[in-house]
Amino acid sequence: MTMPLHAQPLMTADEILALDLPGKSTEPVRGHLVVREPPGSFHGRVAARLAYLIGHHVYQHDLGAVFSQDTGFQIASNPDSVRAPDVAFVPTARAAEIPPRGYARMTPDLVAEIVSPGDSPGELLSKIGDWLEAGASFVWVIDPARREGRVHRAGGTVAITPIDGALDGEDVFPGFRCPMAEVFR
């Protein structure tokens, strides 16, 4: 019998980091261990493509660092929450603060989440809320099934970017503009 989530002992980010669950993705969310299967192949393809497109612009203009799928960031403490976006961006000044080991105790300025077929709407909204509450400027939600992106901003606005539209780096990484169709190419 599985213990209800609220009855499980709280875990710290360091305890999660020490876990060895091969082939699983783990995150402590408000101190509770969340274990998932790795994302599907198409999900990984879209995430890698988006990381490449963002990275090309960011590194060409020396704007900061881009992080790939499942890189953990500790966004809350006591209880700990570590979230692992599909793609993230941290500007140069803050990227220098990232330690060589463990989870960076910071929130990326941009977070991108790729929707997987098994993602529940509630879980996705919870992730978006966690990122924005922790200080992300905006969260891109890339939805392969709908062939669109949604931009959730810290101020509470949401904008839909259709397949014939373009993602924009706004003031987080200026000058970046990428046709949505390129993300799915």
Protein backbone atom coordinates (compact mmCIF):
# COMPACT_ATOMS: atom_id res chain seq x y z
CA MET A 1 0.00 0.00 0.00
CA THR A 2 1.32 3.45 -0.94
CA MET A 3 1.63 6.07 1.78
CA PRO A 4 -0.44 9.22 1.06
CA LEU A 5 1.72 12.14 -0.11
CA HIS A 6 0.89 14.27 2.94
CA ALA A 7 2.01 11.44 5.27
CA GLN A 8 5.42 10.94 3.60
CA PRO A 9 8.42 12.47 5.36
CA LEU A 10 9.72 15.68 3.80
CA MET A 11 12.96 15.43 1.82
CA THR A 12 15.60 18.05 1.21
CA ALA A 13 17.15 18.93 -2.13
CA ASP A 14 20.43 17.35 -0.98
CA GLU A 15 18.67 14.08 -0.11
CA ILE A 16 17.08 13.99 -3.57
CA LEU A 17 20.46 14.67 -5.19
CA ALA A 18 21.90 11.64 -3.36
CA LEU A 19 19.10 9.31 -4.55
CA ASP A 20 19.95 6.76 -7.20
CA LEU A 21 16.85 5.94 -9.23
CA PRO A 22 18.21 4.98 -12.68
CA GLY A 23 16.03 6.04 -15.58
CA LYS A 24 13.73 8.19 -13.43
CA SER A 25 13.27 11.91 -13.12
CA THR A 26 12.91 13.12 -9.54
CA GLU A 27 12.04 16.47 -7.99
CA PRO A 28 11.29 17.43 -4.42
CA VAL A 29 8.21 19.65 -4.63
CA ARG A 30 7.45 21.36 -1.33
CA GLY A 31 9.55 18.62 0.29
CA HIS A 32 7.68 15.69 -1.29
CA LEU A 33 9.44 13.37 -3.72
CA VAL A 34 7.89 13.36 -7.20
CA VAL A 35 9.12 10.54 -9.47
CA ARG A 36 8.39 10.48 -13.19
CA GLU A 37 9.30 8.40 -16.17
CA PRO A 38 11.68 10.11 -18.59
CA PRO A 39 9.91 12.14 -21.27
CA GLY A 40 9.22 10.62 -24.69
CA SER A 41 11.47 10.92 -27.72
CA PHE A 42 9.49 13.65 -29.51
CA HIS A 43 9.45 15.68 -26.30
CA GLY A 44 13.25 15.44 -26.18
CA ARG A 45 13.55 16.43 -29.82
CA VAL A 46 11.46 19.59 -29.30
CA ALA A 47 13.36 20.45 -26.10
CA ALA A 48 16.73 20.01 -27.81
CA ARG A 49 15.64 22.09 -30.80
CA LEU A 50 14.42 24.90 -28.54
CA ALA A 51 17.63 24.79 -26.47
CA TYR A 52 19.64 25.01 -29.69
CA LEU A 53 17.65 27.97 -31.02
CA ILE A 54 17.86 29.87 -27.74
CA GLY A 55 21.48 28.88 -27.18
CA HIS A 56 22.56 30.06 -30.63
CA HIS A 57 21.28 33.56 -29.87
CA VAL A 58 22.38 33.66 -26.22
CA TYR A 59 25.94 32.50 -26.87
CA GLN A 60 26.36 34.58 -30.02
CA HIS A 61 25.53 37.71 -27.99
CA ASP A 62 27.20 36.58 -24.73
CA LEU A 63 23.96 36.98 -22.77
CA GLY A 64 24.29 34.14 -20.28
CA ALA A 65 23.80 30.37 -20.06
CA VAL A 66 21.21 27.96 -21.44
CA PHE A 67 20.32 24.79 -19.56
CA SER A 68 18.98 21.60 -21.06
CA GLN A 69 16.24 19.23 -20.11
CA ASP A 70 16.04 18.06 -16.49
CA THR A 71 18.62 20.46 -14.99
CA GLY A 72 17.45 21.04 -11.42
CA PHE A 73 17.14 24.47 -9.81
CA GLN A 74 16.32 24.79 -6.12
CA ILE A 75 13.57 27.42 -6.13
CA ALA A 76 12.36 27.13 -2.52
CA SER A 77 13.63 26.03 0.88
CA ASN A 78 12.03 24.67 4.06
CA PRO A 79 10.41 22.70 2.56
CA ASP A 80 12.66 22.36 -0.47
CA SER A 81 11.45 22.49 -4.05
CA VAL A 82 13.68 21.63 -6.96
CA ARG A 83 12.17 22.02 -10.38
CA ALA A 84 13.77 20.78 -13.60
CA PRO A 85 12.58 22.64 -16.69
CA ASP A 86 12.99 21.39 -20.23
CA VAL A 87 15.00 24.50 -21.19
CA ALA A 88 16.13 27.45 -19.06
CA PHE A 89 18.09 30.67 -19.41
CA VAL A 90 20.11 32.49 -16.73
CA PRO A 91 21.85 35.81 -17.54
CA THR A 92 25.65 36.08 -17.34
CA ALA A 93 25.90 37.84 -13.96
CA ARG A 94 23.76 35.22 -12.21
CA ALA A 95 25.19 32.25 -14.15
CA ALA A 96 28.54 32.95 -12.47
CA GLU A 97 26.89 32.11 -9.11
CA ILE A 98 26.08 28.52 -10.11
CA PRO A 99 28.13 26.04 -8.09
CA PRO A 100 29.94 23.17 -9.85
CA ARG A 101 27.99 20.62 -7.75
CA GLY A 102 24.43 20.34 -6.55
CA TYR A 103 21.42 22.41 -7.50
CA ALA A 104 21.74 26.12 -8.14
CA ARG A 105 19.68 28.00 -5.56
CA MET A 106 18.08 30.35 -8.06
CA THR A 107 15.29 30.70 -10.55
CA PRO A 108 16.08 31.03 -14.24
CA ASP A 109 14.79 34.19 -15.92
CA LEU A 110 13.19 32.11 -18.69
CA VAL A 111 11.81 28.63 -18.26
CA ALA A 112 10.40 26.49 -21.07
CA GLU A 113 8.23 23.45 -20.43
CA ILE A 114 7.35 21.07 -23.26
CA VAL A 115 3.93 19.45 -22.82
CA SER A 116 4.06 15.64 -22.83
CA PRO A 117 1.02 13.48 -23.60
CA GLY A 118 0.90 12.27 -19.97
CA ASP A 119 1.07 15.74 -18.37
CA SER A 120 -2.04 16.65 -16.42
CA PRO A 121 -3.29 20.24 -16.75
CA GLY A 122 -3.14 20.65 -12.96
CA GLU A 123 0.47 19.48 -12.74
CA LEU A 124 1.47 21.79 -15.59
CA LEU A 125 -0.26 24.79 -13.99
CA SER A 126 1.43 23.95 -10.69
CA LYS A 127 4.86 24.01 -12.37
CA ILE A 128 4.11 27.31 -14.09
CA GLY A 129 2.92 28.80 -10.79
CA ASP A 130 6.00 27.54 -8.95
CA TRP A 131 8.33 29.08 -11.55
CA LEU A 132 6.58 32.44 -11.60
CA GLU A 133 6.23 32.61 -7.82
CA ALA A 134 9.95 31.85 -7.49
CA GLY A 135 10.83 34.79 -9.76
CA ALA A 136 10.95 33.64 -13.39
CA SER A 137 10.21 36.52 -15.77
CA PHE A 138 8.17 34.25 -17.99
CA VAL A 139 7.46 30.61 -18.73
CA TRP A 140 7.05 29.30 -22.25
CA VAL A 141 4.79 26.27 -22.49
CA ILE A 142 5.40 24.55 -25.80
CA ASP A 143 2.51 22.29 -26.80
CA PRO A 144 3.39 19.89 -29.63
CA ALA A 145 -0.16 18.48 -29.84
CA ARG A 146 -1.67 21.95 -30.40
CA ARG A 147 1.39 23.18 -32.35
CA GLU A 148 1.53 26.36 -30.29
CA GLY A 149 3.29 28.06 -27.43
CA ARG A 150 1.87 29.89 -24.44
CA VAL A 151 3.76 32.68 -22.72
CA HIS A 152 2.95 32.98 -19.00
CA ARG A 153 4.37 36.22 -17.61
CA ALA A 154 5.14 37.17 -14.01
CA GLY A 155 2.40 39.82 -14.10
CA GLY A 156 -0.23 37.12 -14.69
CA THR A 157 -0.81 37.60 -18.41
CA VAL A 158 -0.86 34.71 -20.86
CA ALA A 159 -0.35 35.02 -24.60
CA ILE A 160 -0.75 32.30 -27.20
CA THR A 161 1.85 31.99 -29.94
CA PRO A 162 0.32 30.03 -32.85
CA ILE A 163 2.37 27.93 -35.28
CA ASP A 164 2.62 30.92 -37.65
CA GLY A 165 3.70 33.24 -34.80
CA ALA A 166 7.08 33.72 -33.13
CA LEU A 167 8.54 33.39 -29.65
CA ASP A 168 10.21 36.57 -28.42
CA GLY A 169 12.99 36.93 -25.84
CA GLU A 170 11.49 40.27 -24.77
CA ASP A 171 13.78 42.09 -22.32
CA VAL A 172 15.12 38.82 -20.84
CA PHE A 173 17.34 38.06 -23.85
CA PRO A 174 16.80 40.95 -26.25
CA GLY A 175 16.78 40.44 -29.99
CA PHE A 176 15.68 36.80 -29.86
CA ARG A 177 12.79 36.06 -32.16
CA CYS A 178 12.05 32.53 -33.32
CA PRO A 179 9.21 31.35 -35.55
CA MET A 180 7.15 28.75 -33.71
CA ALA A 181 7.36 26.51 -36.78
CA GLU A 182 11.17 26.35 -36.28
CA VAL A 183 10.70 24.85 -32.83
CA PHE A 184 8.75 21.91 -34.30
CA ARG A 185 10.92 21.50 -37.42
